[in-house]
Amino acid sequence: TCKREEFAPNARIISVNTKKVSFGFELDICADASNFIEGILSR
């Protein structure tokens, strides 16, 4: 992503990953992508 300040500077970044990682984004979600997408689609 290069520098965080330059990568999508006006965006709220939501990261969905099966590993617990924290990059200081607005939302770091530890979940399987297919389960996450199914949950969003149901809503």
PDB file of all heavy atoms in Angstrom:
ATOM      1  N   THR A   1       0.808  -1.227   0.000  1.00  0.00           N
ATOM      2  CA  THR A   1       0.000   0.000   0.000  1.00  0.00           C
ATOM      3  C   THR A   1       0.835   1.268   0.000  1.00  0.00           C
ATOM      4  O   THR A   1       0.285   2.356  -0.053  1.00  0.00           O
ATOM      5  CB  THR A   1      -0.910   0.057   1.235  1.00  0.00           C
ATOM      6  OG1 THR A   1      -0.100   0.062   2.404  1.00  0.00           O
ATOM      7  CG2 THR A   1      -1.877  -1.086   1.260  1.00  0.00           C
ATOM      8  N   CYS A   2       2.140   1.115   0.055  1.00  0.00           N
ATOM      9  CA  CYS A   2       3.037   2.268   0.208  1.00  0.00           C
ATOM     10  C   CYS A   2       2.738   2.916   1.553  1.00  0.00           C
ATOM     11  O   CYS A   2       2.528   2.229   2.525  1.00  0.00           O
ATOM     12  CB  CYS A   2       2.885   3.242  -0.939  1.00  0.00           C
ATOM     13  SG  CYS A   2       3.268   2.495  -2.530  1.00  0.00           S
ATOM     14  N   LYS A   3       2.661   4.201   1.595  1.00  0.00           N
ATOM     15  CA  LYS A   3       2.393   4.883   2.855  1.00  0.00           C
ATOM     16  C   LYS A   3       0.889   4.934   3.106  1.00  0.00           C
ATOM     17  O   LYS A   3       0.120   5.294   2.226  1.00  0.00           O
ATOM     18  CB  LYS A   3       2.957   6.296   2.831  1.00  0.00           C
ATOM     19  CG  LYS A   3       4.454   6.354   2.737  1.00  0.00           C
ATOM     20  CD  LYS A   3       4.942   7.782   2.692  1.00  0.00           C
ATOM     21  CE  LYS A   3       6.449   7.818   2.554  1.00  0.00           C
ATOM     22  NZ  LYS A   3       6.932   9.192   2.418  1.00  0.00           N
ATOM     23  N   ARG A   4       0.461   4.589   4.301  1.00  0.00           N
ATOM     24  CA  ARG A   4      -0.969   4.580   4.650  1.00  0.00           C
ATOM     25  C   ARG A   4      -1.597   5.939   4.388  1.00  0.00           C
ATOM     26  O   ARG A   4      -2.735   6.030   3.937  1.00  0.00           O
ATOM     27  CB  ARG A   4      -1.138   4.175   6.124  1.00  0.00           C
ATOM     28  CG  ARG A   4      -2.517   4.399   6.719  1.00  0.00           C
ATOM     29  CD  ARG A   4      -3.572   3.523   6.038  1.00  0.00           C
ATOM     30  NE  ARG A   4      -4.867   3.709   6.647  1.00  0.00           N
ATOM     31  CZ  ARG A   4      -5.873   4.373   6.094  1.00  0.00           C
ATOM     32  NH1 ARG A   4      -5.742   4.938   4.926  1.00  0.00           N
ATOM     33  NH2 ARG A   4      -7.029   4.484   6.718  1.00  0.00           N
ATOM     34  N   GLU A   5      -0.875   7.006   4.638  1.00  0.00           N
ATOM     35  CA  GLU A   5      -1.421   8.355   4.461  1.00  0.00           C
ATOM     36  C   GLU A   5      -1.717   8.646   2.993  1.00  0.00           C
ATOM     37  O   GLU A   5      -2.540   9.487   2.675  1.00  0.00           O
ATOM     38  CB  GLU A   5      -0.447   9.418   4.985  1.00  0.00           C
ATOM     39  CG  GLU A   5      -0.030   9.239   6.429  1.00  0.00           C
ATOM     40  CD  GLU A   5       1.085   8.206   6.598  1.00  0.00           C
ATOM     41  OE1 GLU A   5       2.003   8.114   5.766  1.00  0.00           O
ATOM     42  OE2 GLU A   5       1.002   7.457   7.589  1.00  0.00           O
ATOM     43  N   GLU A   6      -1.025   7.938   2.088  1.00  0.00           N
ATOM     44  CA  GLU A   6      -1.209   8.177   0.655  1.00  0.00           C
ATOM     45  C   GLU A   6      -2.125   7.163   0.000  1.00  0.00           C
ATOM     46  O   GLU A   6      -2.636   7.396  -1.085  1.00  0.00           O
ATOM     47  CB  GLU A   6       0.158   8.169  -0.039  1.00  0.00           C
ATOM     48  CG  GLU A   6       1.053   9.298   0.416  1.00  0.00           C
ATOM     49  CD  GLU A   6       2.449   9.210  -0.176  1.00  0.00           C
ATOM     50  OE1 GLU A   6       2.688   8.379  -1.073  1.00  0.00           O
ATOM     51  OE2 GLU A   6       3.314   9.991   0.268  1.00  0.00           O
ATOM     52  N   PHE A   7      -2.327   6.016   0.626  1.00  0.00           N
ATOM     53  CA  PHE A   7      -3.167   4.961   0.073  1.00  0.00           C
ATOM     54  C   PHE A   7      -4.606   5.188   0.515  1.00  0.00           C
ATOM     55  O   PHE A   7      -4.928   5.088   1.680  1.00  0.00           O
ATOM     56  CB  PHE A   7      -2.690   3.589   0.551  1.00  0.00           C
ATOM     57  CG  PHE A   7      -3.559   2.457   0.102  1.00  0.00           C
ATOM     58  CD1 PHE A   7      -3.472   1.982  -1.187  1.00  0.00           C
ATOM     59  CD2 PHE A   7      -4.472   1.885   0.968  1.00  0.00           C
ATOM     60  CE1 PHE A   7      -4.268   0.938  -1.622  1.00  0.00           C
ATOM     61  CE2 PHE A   7      -5.277   0.839   0.556  1.00  0.00           C
ATOM     62  CZ  PHE A   7      -5.177   0.366  -0.745  1.00  0.00           C
ATOM     63  N   ALA A   8      -5.480   5.510  -0.418  1.00  0.00           N
ATOM     64  CA  ALA A   8      -6.891   5.763  -0.120  1.00  0.00           C
ATOM     65  C   ALA A   8      -7.039   6.671   1.092  1.00  0.00           C
ATOM     66  O   ALA A   8      -7.641   6.301   2.095  1.00  0.00           O
ATOM     67  CB  ALA A   8      -7.630   4.445   0.089  1.00  0.00           C
ATOM     68  N   PRO A   9      -6.498   7.881   1.020  1.00  0.00           N
ATOM     69  CA  PRO A   9      -6.458   8.761   2.196  1.00  0.00           C
ATOM     70  C   PRO A   9      -7.826   9.172   2.729  1.00  0.00           C
ATOM     71  O   PRO A   9      -7.962   9.459   3.913  1.00  0.00           O
ATOM     72  CB  PRO A   9      -5.670   9.979   1.703  1.00  0.00           C
ATOM     73  CG  PRO A   9      -5.869   9.988   0.233  1.00  0.00           C
ATOM     74  CD  PRO A   9      -5.950   8.541  -0.167  1.00  0.00           C
ATOM     75  N   ASN A  10      -8.839   9.183   1.880  1.00  0.00           N
ATOM     76  CA  ASN A  10     -10.176   9.602   2.322  1.00  0.00           C
ATOM     77  C   ASN A  10     -11.112   8.433   2.578  1.00  0.00           C
ATOM     78  O   ASN A  10     -12.285   8.634   2.864  1.00  0.00           O
ATOM     79  CB  ASN A  10     -10.789  10.541   1.282  1.00  0.00           C
ATOM     80  CG  ASN A  10      -9.943  11.782   1.083  1.00  0.00           C
ATOM     81  OD1 ASN A  10      -9.476  12.364   2.046  1.00  0.00           O
ATOM     82  ND2 ASN A  10      -9.728  12.158  -0.154  1.00  0.00           N
ATOM     83  N   ALA A  11     -10.593   7.213   2.466  1.00  0.00           N
ATOM     84  CA  ALA A  11     -11.439   6.032   2.606  1.00  0.00           C
ATOM     85  C   ALA A  11     -11.419   5.471   4.018  1.00  0.00           C
ATOM     86  O   ALA A  11     -10.428   5.573   4.730  1.00  0.00           O
ATOM     87  CB  ALA A  11     -10.979   4.949   1.630  1.00  0.00           C
ATOM     88  N   ARG A  12     -12.515   4.896   4.383  1.00  0.00           N
ATOM     89  CA  ARG A  12     -12.581   4.081   5.595  1.00  0.00           C
ATOM     90  C   ARG A  12     -12.269   2.660   5.135  1.00  0.00           C
ATOM     91  O   ARG A  12     -12.968   2.118   4.293  1.00  0.00           O
ATOM     92  CB  ARG A  12     -13.950   4.165   6.230  1.00  0.00           C
ATOM     93  CG  ARG A  12     -14.273   5.576   6.684  1.00  0.00           C
ATOM     94  CD  ARG A  12     -15.428   5.555   7.643  1.00  0.00           C
ATOM     95  NE  ARG A  12     -15.720   6.893   8.077  1.00  0.00           N
ATOM     96  CZ  ARG A  12     -15.331   7.394   9.241  1.00  0.00           C
ATOM     97  NH1 ARG A  12     -14.641   6.658  10.068  1.00  0.00           N
ATOM     98  NH2 ARG A  12     -15.645   8.622   9.583  1.00  0.00           N
ATOM     99  N   ILE A  13     -11.208   2.091   5.670  1.00  0.00           N
ATOM    100  CA  ILE A  13     -10.759   0.780   5.212  1.00  0.00           C
ATOM    101  C   ILE A  13     -11.244  -0.299   6.160  1.00  0.00           C
ATOM    102  O   ILE A  13     -11.043  -0.221   7.368  1.00  0.00           O
ATOM    103  CB  ILE A  13      -9.228   0.743   5.071  1.00  0.00           C
ATOM    104  CG1 ILE A  13      -8.792   1.770   4.017  1.00  0.00           C
ATOM    105  CG2 ILE A  13      -8.759  -0.657   4.695  1.00  0.00           C
ATOM    106  CD1 ILE A  13      -7.307   1.873   3.828  1.00  0.00           C
ATOM    107  N   ILE A  14     -11.901  -1.302   5.570  1.00  0.00           N
ATOM    108  CA  ILE A  14     -12.393  -2.453   6.313  1.00  0.00           C
ATOM    109  C   ILE A  14     -11.634  -3.669   5.804  1.00  0.00           C
ATOM    110  O   ILE A  14     -11.683  -3.984   4.615  1.00  0.00           O
ATOM    111  CB  ILE A  14     -13.907  -2.644   6.116  1.00  0.00           C
ATOM    112  CG1 ILE A  14     -14.661  -1.399   6.585  1.00  0.00           C
ATOM    113  CG2 ILE A  14     -14.384  -3.896   6.831  1.00  0.00           C
ATOM    114  CD1 ILE A  14     -16.125  -1.393   6.212  1.00  0.00           C
ATOM    115  N   SER A  15     -10.917  -4.335   6.686  1.00  0.00           N
ATOM    116  CA  SER A  15     -10.115  -5.493   6.323  1.00  0.00           C
ATOM    117  C   SER A  15     -10.759  -6.753   6.890  1.00  0.00           C
ATOM    118  O   SER A  15     -11.033  -6.836   8.087  1.00  0.00           O
ATOM    119  CB  SER A  15      -8.698  -5.335   6.875  1.00  0.00           C
ATOM    120  OG  SER A  15      -7.946  -6.505   6.665  1.00  0.00           O
ATOM    121  N   VAL A  16     -11.022  -7.735   6.012  1.00  0.00           N
ATOM    122  CA  VAL A  16     -11.568  -9.030   6.425  1.00  0.00           C
ATOM    123  C   VAL A  16     -10.506 -10.068   6.122  1.00  0.00           C
ATOM    124  O   VAL A  16     -10.096 -10.238   4.974  1.00  0.00           O
ATOM    125  CB  VAL A  16     -12.878  -9.360   5.670  1.00  0.00           C
ATOM    126  CG1 VAL A  16     -13.412 -10.711   6.110  1.00  0.00           C
ATOM    127  CG2 VAL A  16     -13.911  -8.270   5.873  1.00  0.00           C
ATOM    128  N   ASN A  17     -10.039 -10.748   7.172  1.00  0.00           N
ATOM    129  CA  ASN A  17      -8.945 -11.691   7.017  1.00  0.00           C
ATOM    130  C   ASN A  17      -9.134 -12.841   7.990  1.00  0.00           C
ATOM    131  O   ASN A  17      -9.648 -12.644   9.085  1.00  0.00           O
ATOM    132  CB  ASN A  17      -7.614 -10.974   7.308  1.00  0.00           C
ATOM    133  CG  ASN A  17      -6.428 -11.673   6.694  1.00  0.00           C
ATOM    134  OD1 ASN A  17      -6.362 -12.894   6.663  1.00  0.00           O
ATOM    135  ND2 ASN A  17      -5.480 -10.894   6.199  1.00  0.00           N
ATOM    136  N   THR A  18      -8.713 -14.040   7.601  1.00  0.00           N
ATOM    137  CA  THR A  18      -8.851 -15.194   8.499  1.00  0.00           C
ATOM    138  C   THR A  18      -7.824 -15.170   9.621  1.00  0.00           C
ATOM    139  O   THR A  18      -7.995 -15.849  10.615  1.00  0.00           O
ATOM    140  CB  THR A  18      -8.718 -16.521   7.724  1.00  0.00           C
ATOM    141  OG1 THR A  18      -7.473 -16.524   7.035  1.00  0.00           O
ATOM    142  CG2 THR A  18      -9.864 -16.705   6.761  1.00  0.00           C
ATOM    143  N   LYS A  19      -6.771 -14.400   9.447  1.00  0.00           N
ATOM    144  CA  LYS A  19      -5.753 -14.260  10.494  1.00  0.00           C
ATOM    145  C   LYS A  19      -6.035 -12.985  11.276  1.00  0.00           C
ATOM    146  O   LYS A  19      -6.489 -11.992  10.727  1.00  0.00           O
ATOM    147  CB  LYS A  19      -4.356 -14.164   9.888  1.00  0.00           C
ATOM    148  CG  LYS A  19      -3.917 -15.393   9.134  1.00  0.00           C
ATOM    149  CD  LYS A  19      -2.531 -15.204   8.575  1.00  0.00           C
ATOM    150  CE  LYS A  19      -2.617 -14.326   7.338  1.00  0.00           C
ATOM    151  NZ  LYS A  19      -1.336 -14.124   6.666  1.00  0.00           N
ATOM    152  N   LYS A  20      -5.761 -13.008  12.560  1.00  0.00           N
ATOM    153  CA  LYS A  20      -5.927 -11.812  13.377  1.00  0.00           C
ATOM    154  C   LYS A  20      -4.754 -10.885  13.105  1.00  0.00           C
ATOM    155  O   LYS A  20      -3.630 -11.148  13.506  1.00  0.00           O
ATOM    156  CB  LYS A  20      -6.004 -12.174  14.862  1.00  0.00           C
ATOM    157  CG  LYS A  20      -6.235 -10.981  15.762  1.00  0.00           C
ATOM    158  CD  LYS A  20      -7.576 -10.332  15.481  1.00  0.00           C
ATOM    159  CE  LYS A  20      -7.781  -9.137  16.391  1.00  0.00           C
ATOM    160  NZ  LYS A  20      -8.796  -8.248  15.907  1.00  0.00           N
ATOM    161  N   VAL A  21      -5.045  -9.857  12.349  1.00  0.00           N
ATOM    162  CA  VAL A  21      -4.025  -8.857  12.040  1.00  0.00           C
ATOM    163  C   VAL A  21      -4.619  -7.488  12.335  1.00  0.00           C
ATOM    164  O   VAL A  21      -5.819  -7.289  12.242  1.00  0.00           O
ATOM    165  CB  VAL A  21      -3.574  -8.918  10.559  1.00  0.00           C
ATOM    166  CG1 VAL A  21      -2.802 -10.187  10.288  1.00  0.00           C
ATOM    167  CG2 VAL A  21      -4.748  -8.802   9.616  1.00  0.00           C
ATOM    168  N   SER A  22      -3.790  -6.576  12.697  1.00  0.00           N
ATOM    169  CA  SER A  22      -4.273  -5.236  12.978  1.00  0.00           C
ATOM    170  C   SER A  22      -3.335  -4.228  12.329  1.00  0.00           C
ATOM    171  O   SER A  22      -2.151  -4.177  12.660  1.00  0.00           O
ATOM    172  CB  SER A  22      -4.350  -4.990  14.477  1.00  0.00           C
ATOM    173  OG  SER A  22      -4.826  -3.688  14.711  1.00  0.00           O
ATOM    174  N   PHE A  23      -3.888  -3.494  11.397  1.00  0.00           N
ATOM    175  CA  PHE A  23      -3.096  -2.485  10.717  1.00  0.00           C
ATOM    176  C   PHE A  23      -3.585  -1.089  11.054  1.00  0.00           C
ATOM    177  O   PHE A  23      -3.214  -0.128  10.422  1.00  0.00           O
ATOM    178  CB  PHE A  23      -3.131  -2.706   9.202  1.00  0.00           C
ATOM    179  CG  PHE A  23      -2.407  -3.960   8.786  1.00  0.00           C
ATOM    180  CD1 PHE A  23      -3.107  -5.116   8.497  1.00  0.00           C
ATOM    181  CD2 PHE A  23      -1.032  -3.980   8.710  1.00  0.00           C
ATOM    182  CE1 PHE A  23      -2.447  -6.267   8.124  1.00  0.00           C
ATOM    183  CE2 PHE A  23      -0.359  -5.136   8.339  1.00  0.00           C
ATOM    184  CZ  PHE A  23      -1.066  -6.284   8.046  1.00  0.00           C
ATOM    185  N   GLY A  24      -4.462  -0.998  12.042  1.00  0.00           N
ATOM    186  CA  GLY A  24      -4.934   0.313  12.457  1.00  0.00           C
ATOM    187  C   GLY A  24      -5.957   0.918  11.517  1.00  0.00           C
ATOM    188  O   GLY A  24      -6.117   2.126  11.470  1.00  0.00           O
ATOM    189  N   PHE A  25      -6.650   0.071  10.761  1.00  0.00           N
ATOM    190  CA  PHE A  25      -7.692   0.581   9.894  1.00  0.00           C
ATOM    191  C   PHE A  25      -8.961   0.786  10.707  1.00  0.00           C
ATOM    192  O   PHE A  25      -9.036   0.416  11.872  1.00  0.00           O
ATOM    193  CB  PHE A  25      -7.943  -0.373   8.719  1.00  0.00           C
ATOM    194  CG  PHE A  25      -6.753  -0.497   7.807  1.00  0.00           C
ATOM    195  CD1 PHE A  25      -6.186  -1.726   7.556  1.00  0.00           C
ATOM    196  CD2 PHE A  25      -6.188   0.618   7.224  1.00  0.00           C
ATOM    197  CE1 PHE A  25      -5.093  -1.844   6.721  1.00  0.00           C
ATOM    198  CE2 PHE A  25      -5.086   0.519   6.390  1.00  0.00           C
ATOM    199  CZ  PHE A  25      -4.535  -0.721   6.137  1.00  0.00           C
ATOM    200  N   GLU A  26      -9.969   1.339  10.082  1.00  0.00           N
ATOM    201  CA  GLU A  26     -11.208   1.625  10.804  1.00  0.00           C
ATOM    202  C   GLU A  26     -11.835   0.352  11.368  1.00  0.00           C
ATOM    203  O   GLU A  26     -12.411   0.356  12.440  1.00  0.00           O
ATOM    204  CB  GLU A  26     -12.215   2.338   9.880  1.00  0.00           C
ATOM    205  CG  GLU A  26     -11.923   3.795   9.674  1.00  0.00           C
ATOM    206  CD  GLU A  26     -10.689   4.064   8.811  1.00  0.00           C
ATOM    207  OE1 GLU A  26     -10.258   3.195   8.033  1.00  0.00           O
ATOM    208  OE2 GLU A  26     -10.134   5.163   8.927  1.00  0.00           O
ATOM    209  N   LEU A  27     -11.706  -0.750  10.621  1.00  0.00           N
ATOM    210  CA  LEU A  27     -12.306  -1.991  11.087  1.00  0.00           C
ATOM    211  C   LEU A  27     -11.478  -3.171  10.591  1.00  0.00           C
ATOM    212  O   LEU A  27     -11.283  -3.333   9.383  1.00  0.00           O
ATOM    213  CB  LEU A  27     -13.744  -2.097  10.567  1.00  0.00           C
ATOM    214  CG  LEU A  27     -14.639  -3.174  11.113  1.00  0.00           C
ATOM    215  CD1 LEU A  27     -14.710  -3.140  12.636  1.00  0.00           C
ATOM    216  CD2 LEU A  27     -16.037  -3.030  10.535  1.00  0.00           C
ATOM    217  N   ASP A  28     -10.941  -3.968  11.508  1.00  0.00           N
ATOM    218  CA  ASP A  28     -10.223  -5.198  11.184  1.00  0.00           C
ATOM    219  C   ASP A  28     -11.098  -6.353  11.651  1.00  0.00           C
ATOM    220  O   ASP A  28     -11.324  -6.516  12.853  1.00  0.00           O
ATOM    221  CB  ASP A  28      -8.868  -5.243  11.900  1.00  0.00           C
ATOM    222  CG  ASP A  28      -7.882  -4.232  11.351  1.00  0.00           C
ATOM    223  OD1 ASP A  28      -7.732  -4.162  10.119  1.00  0.00           O
ATOM    224  OD2 ASP A  28      -7.255  -3.521  12.152  1.00  0.00           O
ATOM    225  N   ILE A  29     -11.600  -7.148  10.703  1.00  0.00           N
ATOM    226  CA  ILE A  29     -12.507  -8.246  11.020  1.00  0.00           C
ATOM    227  C   ILE A  29     -11.797  -9.569  10.790  1.00  0.00           C
ATOM    228  O   ILE A  29     -11.264  -9.823   9.713  1.00  0.00           O
ATOM    229  CB  ILE A  29     -13.780  -8.178  10.143  1.00  0.00           C
ATOM    230  CG1 ILE A  29     -14.517  -6.867  10.393  1.00  0.00           C
ATOM    231  CG2 ILE A  29     -14.680  -9.382  10.400  1.00  0.00           C
ATOM    232  CD1 ILE A  29     -15.648  -6.600   9.440  1.00  0.00           C
ATOM    233  N   CYS A  30     -11.784 -10.414  11.822  1.00  0.00           N
ATOM    234  CA  CYS A  30     -11.195 -11.737  11.716  1.00  0.00           C
ATOM    235  C   CYS A  30     -12.334 -12.712  11.407  1.00  0.00           C
ATOM    236  O   CYS A  30     -13.123 -13.068  12.287  1.00  0.00           O
ATOM    237  CB  CYS A  30     -10.489 -12.116  13.020  1.00  0.00           C
ATOM    238  SG  CYS A  30      -9.628 -13.692  12.925  1.00  0.00           S
ATOM    239  N   ALA A  31     -12.439 -13.095  10.121  1.00  0.00           N
ATOM    240  CA  ALA A  31     -13.527 -13.978   9.695  1.00  0.00           C
ATOM    241  C   ALA A  31     -13.195 -14.586   8.341  1.00  0.00           C
ATOM    242  O   ALA A  31     -12.368 -14.056   7.598  1.00  0.00           O
ATOM    243  CB  ALA A  31     -14.834 -13.202   9.592  1.00  0.00           C
ATOM    244  N   ASP A  32     -13.857 -15.678   8.037  1.00  0.00           N
ATOM    245  CA  ASP A  32     -13.779 -16.267   6.712  1.00  0.00           C
ATOM    246  C   ASP A  32     -14.554 -15.364   5.749  1.00  0.00           C
ATOM    247  O   ASP A  32     -15.681 -14.953   6.055  1.00  0.00           O
ATOM    248  CB  ASP A  32     -14.395 -17.674   6.746  1.00  0.00           C
ATOM    249  CG  ASP A  32     -14.346 -18.340   5.400  1.00  0.00           C
ATOM    250  OD1 ASP A  32     -13.275 -18.856   5.038  1.00  0.00           O
ATOM    251  OD2 ASP A  32     -15.377 -18.313   4.707  1.00  0.00           O
ATOM    252  N   ALA A  33     -13.994 -15.051   4.611  1.00  0.00           N
ATOM    253  CA  ALA A  33     -14.616 -14.111   3.676  1.00  0.00           C
ATOM    254  C   ALA A  33     -16.004 -14.576   3.228  1.00  0.00           C
ATOM    255  O   ALA A  33     -16.938 -13.773   3.147  1.00  0.00           O
ATOM    256  CB  ALA A  33     -13.714 -13.892   2.467  1.00  0.00           C
ATOM    257  N   SER A  34     -16.164 -15.858   2.944  1.00  0.00           N
ATOM    258  CA  SER A  34     -17.472 -16.335   2.471  1.00  0.00           C
ATOM    259  C   SER A  34     -18.536 -16.194   3.555  1.00  0.00           C
ATOM    260  O   SER A  34     -19.672 -15.808   3.263  1.00  0.00           O
ATOM    261  CB  SER A  34     -17.388 -17.776   1.972  1.00  0.00           C
ATOM    262  OG  SER A  34     -17.019 -18.651   3.019  1.00  0.00           O
ATOM    263  N   ASN A  35     -18.182 -16.462   4.809  1.00  0.00           N
ATOM    264  CA  ASN A  35     -19.145 -16.282   5.904  1.00  0.00           C
ATOM    265  C   ASN A  35     -19.493 -14.806   6.076  1.00  0.00           C
ATOM    266  O   ASN A  35     -20.650 -14.452   6.316  1.00  0.00           O
ATOM    267  CB  ASN A  35     -18.587 -16.824   7.217  1.00  0.00           C
ATOM    268  CG  ASN A  35     -18.450 -18.321   7.208  1.00  0.00           C
ATOM    269  OD1 ASN A  35     -19.088 -19.017   6.436  1.00  0.00           O
ATOM    270  ND2 ASN A  35     -17.582 -18.837   8.058  1.00  0.00           N
ATOM    271  N   PHE A  36     -18.500 -13.941   5.958  1.00  0.00           N
ATOM    272  CA  PHE A  36     -18.731 -12.506   6.081  1.00  0.00           C
ATOM    273  C   PHE A  36     -19.670 -12.019   4.977  1.00  0.00           C
ATOM    274  O   PHE A  36     -20.640 -11.310   5.237  1.00  0.00           O
ATOM    275  CB  PHE A  36     -17.394 -11.762   6.015  1.00  0.00           C
ATOM    276  CG  PHE A  36     -17.534 -10.274   6.075  1.00  0.00           C
ATOM    277  CD1 PHE A  36     -17.680  -9.634   7.294  1.00  0.00           C
ATOM    278  CD2 PHE A  36     -17.532  -9.515   4.915  1.00  0.00           C
ATOM    279  CE1 PHE A  36     -17.824  -8.249   7.357  1.00  0.00           C
ATOM    280  CE2 PHE A  36     -17.666  -8.139   4.965  1.00  0.00           C
ATOM    281  CZ  PHE A  36     -17.809  -7.505   6.191  1.00  0.00           C
ATOM    282  N   ILE A  37     -19.399 -12.428   3.742  1.00  0.00           N
ATOM    283  CA  ILE A  37     -20.231 -11.998   2.609  1.00  0.00           C
ATOM    284  C   ILE A  37     -21.649 -12.526   2.753  1.00  0.00           C
ATOM    285  O   ILE A  37     -22.616 -11.797   2.499  1.00  0.00           O
ATOM    286  CB  ILE A  37     -19.597 -12.434   1.271  1.00  0.00           C
ATOM    287  CG1 ILE A  37     -18.304 -11.648   1.048  1.00  0.00           C
ATOM    288  CG2 ILE A  37     -20.560 -12.221   0.110  1.00  0.00           C
ATOM    289  CD1 ILE A  37     -17.466 -12.144  -0.104  1.00  0.00           C
ATOM    290  N   GLU A  38     -21.804 -13.777   3.153  1.00  0.00           N
ATOM    291  CA  GLU A  38     -23.146 -14.335   3.366  1.00  0.00           C
ATOM    292  C   GLU A  38     -23.910 -13.533   4.408  1.00  0.00           C
ATOM    293  O   GLU A  38     -25.107 -13.269   4.256  1.00  0.00           O
ATOM    294  CB  GLU A  38     -23.055 -15.807   3.784  1.00  0.00           C
ATOM    295  CG  GLU A  38     -22.699 -16.737   2.656  1.00  0.00           C
ATOM    296  CD  GLU A  38     -22.499 -18.166   3.127  1.00  0.00           C
ATOM    297  OE1 GLU A  38     -22.842 -18.488   4.288  1.00  0.00           O
ATOM    298  OE2 GLU A  38     -21.987 -18.967   2.317  1.00  0.00           O
ATOM    299  N   GLY A  39     -23.230 -13.143   5.492  1.00  0.00           N
ATOM    300  CA  GLY A  39     -23.884 -12.349   6.536  1.00  0.00           C
ATOM    301  C   GLY A  39     -24.317 -10.986   6.033  1.00  0.00           C
ATOM    302  O   GLY A  39     -25.426 -10.527   6.325  1.00  0.00           O
ATOM    303  N   ILE A  40     -23.454 -10.338   5.254  1.00  0.00           N
ATOM    304  CA  ILE A  40     -23.796  -9.031   4.693  1.00  0.00           C
ATOM    305  C   ILE A  40     -24.972  -9.172   3.730  1.00  0.00           C
ATOM    306  O   ILE A  40     -25.923  -8.384   3.767  1.00  0.00           O
ATOM    307  CB  ILE A  40     -22.578  -8.415   3.964  1.00  0.00           C
ATOM    308  CG1 ILE A  40     -21.482  -8.069   4.963  1.00  0.00           C
ATOM    309  CG2 ILE A  40     -22.968  -7.207   3.128  1.00  0.00           C
ATOM    310  CD1 ILE A  40     -21.815  -6.964   5.927  1.00  0.00           C
ATOM    311  N   LEU A  41     -24.915 -10.175   2.850  1.00  0.00           N
ATOM    312  CA  LEU A  41     -25.987 -10.354   1.870  1.00  0.00           C
ATOM    313  C   LEU A  41     -27.328 -10.650   2.535  1.00  0.00           C
ATOM    314  O   LEU A  41     -28.369 -10.183   2.076  1.00  0.00           O
ATOM    315  CB  LEU A  41     -25.631 -11.468   0.879  1.00  0.00           C
ATOM    316  CG  LEU A  41     -24.523 -11.131  -0.107  1.00  0.00           C
ATOM    317  CD1 LEU A  41     -24.201 -12.346  -0.976  1.00  0.00           C
ATOM    318  CD2 LEU A  41     -24.905  -9.943  -0.967  1.00  0.00           C
ATOM    319  N   SER A  42     -27.316 -11.392   3.631  1.00  0.00           N
ATOM    320  CA  SER A  42     -28.578 -11.691   4.313  1.00  0.00           C
ATOM    321  C   SER A  42     -29.210 -10.418   4.864  1.00  0.00           C
ATOM    322  O   SER A  42     -30.428 -10.277   4.905  1.00  0.00           O
ATOM    323  CB  SER A  42     -28.370 -12.711   5.434  1.00  0.00           C
ATOM    324  OG  SER A  42     -27.658 -12.140   6.508  1.00  0.00           O
ATOM    325  N   ARG A  43     -28.384  -9.468   5.269  1.00  0.00           N
ATOM    326  CA  ARG A  43     -28.918  -8.195   5.761  1.00  0.00           C
ATOM    327  C   ARG A  43     -29.392  -7.305   4.616  1.00  0.00           C
ATOM    328  O   ARG A  43     -30.390  -6.620   4.725  1.00  0.00           O
ATOM    329  CB  ARG A  43     -27.877  -7.480   6.601  1.00  0.00           C
ATOM    330  CG  ARG A  43     -27.690  -8.122   7.954  1.00  0.00           C
ATOM    331  CD  ARG A  43     -26.574  -7.444   8.730  1.00  0.00           C
ATOM    332  NE  ARG A  43     -26.524  -7.838  10.109  1.00  0.00           N
ATOM    333  CZ  ARG A  43     -26.098  -8.996  10.575  1.00  0.00           C
ATOM    334  NH1 ARG A  43     -25.699  -9.923   9.729  1.00  0.00           N
ATOM    335  NH2 ARG A  43     -26.064  -9.249  11.854  1.00  0.00           N
TER     336      ARG A  43
END
